[in-house]
């Protein structure tokens, strides 16, 4: 999977948001607030990564149990895929 290039990850005053750009901005109105971990993973998805690669990156960066991280990554991928922010 990879981040849709029609979205930029922007850091504003210690907040992280996904912002539609270009043609995407005509149909996707608004921005998506992201946690620090979600922003971290989306930035890693500038190049294609598997869910297992994301799990490794997240557990190396944050102090989180792999089992919990795997479940959370799965939920994040489903949500962001439905929104069109992540492309399979």
Protein backbone atom coordinates (compact mmCIF):
# COMPACT_ATOMS: atom_id res chain seq x y z
CA UNK A 1 0.00 0.00 0.00
CA UNK A 2 1.02 3.61 -0.50
CA UNK A 3 -0.22 7.08 0.47
CA UNK A 4 -2.41 8.67 -2.17
CA UNK A 5 -0.28 11.46 -3.71
CA UNK A 6 -3.41 13.64 -3.75
CA UNK A 7 -3.05 14.08 0.02
CA UNK A 8 -0.33 15.91 1.90
CA UNK A 9 0.51 15.31 5.55
CA UNK A 10 0.86 18.70 7.21
CA UNK A 11 2.07 19.52 10.72
CA UNK A 12 0.46 22.67 12.12
CA UNK A 13 1.14 23.80 15.69
CA UNK A 14 1.86 20.28 16.98
CA UNK A 15 -1.19 18.88 15.14
CA UNK A 16 -1.09 16.52 12.16
CA UNK A 17 -3.62 16.61 9.33
CA UNK A 18 -4.09 14.99 5.93
CA UNK A 19 -5.00 17.69 3.40
CA UNK A 20 -6.38 16.98 -0.08
CA UNK A 21 -4.53 18.71 -2.92
CA UNK A 22 -5.09 19.13 -6.63
CA UNK A 23 -8.14 17.47 -8.13
CA UNK A 24 -8.83 15.63 -4.86
CA UNK A 25 -9.60 18.95 -3.16
CA UNK A 26 -12.60 19.38 -5.49
CA UNK A 27 -14.33 16.27 -4.15
CA UNK A 28 -12.85 15.76 -0.66
CA UNK A 29 -13.92 18.71 1.46
CA UNK A 30 -12.07 19.27 4.71
CA UNK A 31 -9.02 17.78 6.36
CA UNK A 32 -8.43 14.65 8.44
CA UNK A 33 -6.92 15.01 11.91
CA UNK A 34 -4.23 12.40 12.59
CA UNK A 35 -2.57 11.10 15.72
CA UNK A 36 1.20 11.31 15.87
CA UNK A 37 1.49 7.59 15.13
CA UNK A 38 -0.91 7.81 12.16
CA UNK A 39 1.05 10.75 10.71
CA UNK A 40 4.30 8.83 11.24
CA UNK A 41 2.95 5.81 9.33
CA UNK A 42 1.48 7.88 6.50
CA UNK A 43 4.81 9.63 6.00
CA UNK A 44 6.42 6.19 5.73
CA UNK A 45 3.88 5.32 3.04
CA UNK A 46 5.42 7.82 0.62
CA UNK A 47 6.93 4.62 -0.77
CA UNK A 48 4.98 1.32 -0.85
CA UNK A 49 5.03 -0.71 2.35
CA UNK A 50 3.26 -3.83 3.60
CA UNK A 51 1.30 -3.98 6.84
CA UNK A 52 4.13 -6.03 8.37
CA UNK A 53 6.69 -3.36 7.41
CA UNK A 54 4.50 -0.71 9.04
CA UNK A 55 4.26 -2.84 12.17
CA UNK A 56 8.05 -3.09 12.38
CA UNK A 57 8.48 0.66 11.86
CA UNK A 58 5.84 1.53 14.46
CA UNK A 59 7.19 -0.78 17.16
CA UNK A 60 10.72 0.54 16.56
CA UNK A 61 9.55 4.16 16.91
CA UNK A 62 7.00 3.80 19.72
CA UNK A 63 6.88 1.76 22.91
CA UNK A 64 3.87 -0.36 21.98
CA UNK A 65 3.16 -4.09 22.12
CA UNK A 66 3.23 -5.68 18.65
CA UNK A 67 -0.18 -7.32 19.16
CA UNK A 68 -1.85 -4.00 19.97
CA UNK A 69 0.04 -2.18 17.20
CA UNK A 70 -1.03 -4.78 14.63
CA UNK A 71 -4.70 -4.35 15.54
CA UNK A 72 -4.45 -0.54 15.49
CA UNK A 73 -2.61 -0.52 12.15
CA UNK A 74 -5.33 -2.72 10.65
CA UNK A 75 -8.03 -0.28 11.79
CA UNK A 76 -6.04 2.71 10.51
CA UNK A 77 -5.50 1.10 7.11
CA UNK A 78 -9.20 0.26 6.74
CA UNK A 79 -10.31 3.77 7.70
CA UNK A 80 -7.79 5.62 5.55
CA UNK A 81 -8.36 3.28 2.60
CA UNK A 82 -12.11 3.97 2.76
CA UNK A 83 -11.33 7.70 2.71
CA UNK A 84 -9.00 7.29 -0.27
CA UNK A 85 -5.93 8.47 1.64
CA UNK A 86 -4.21 5.08 1.33
CA UNK A 87 -4.13 3.16 -1.94
CA UNK A 88 -3.79 -0.63 -1.88
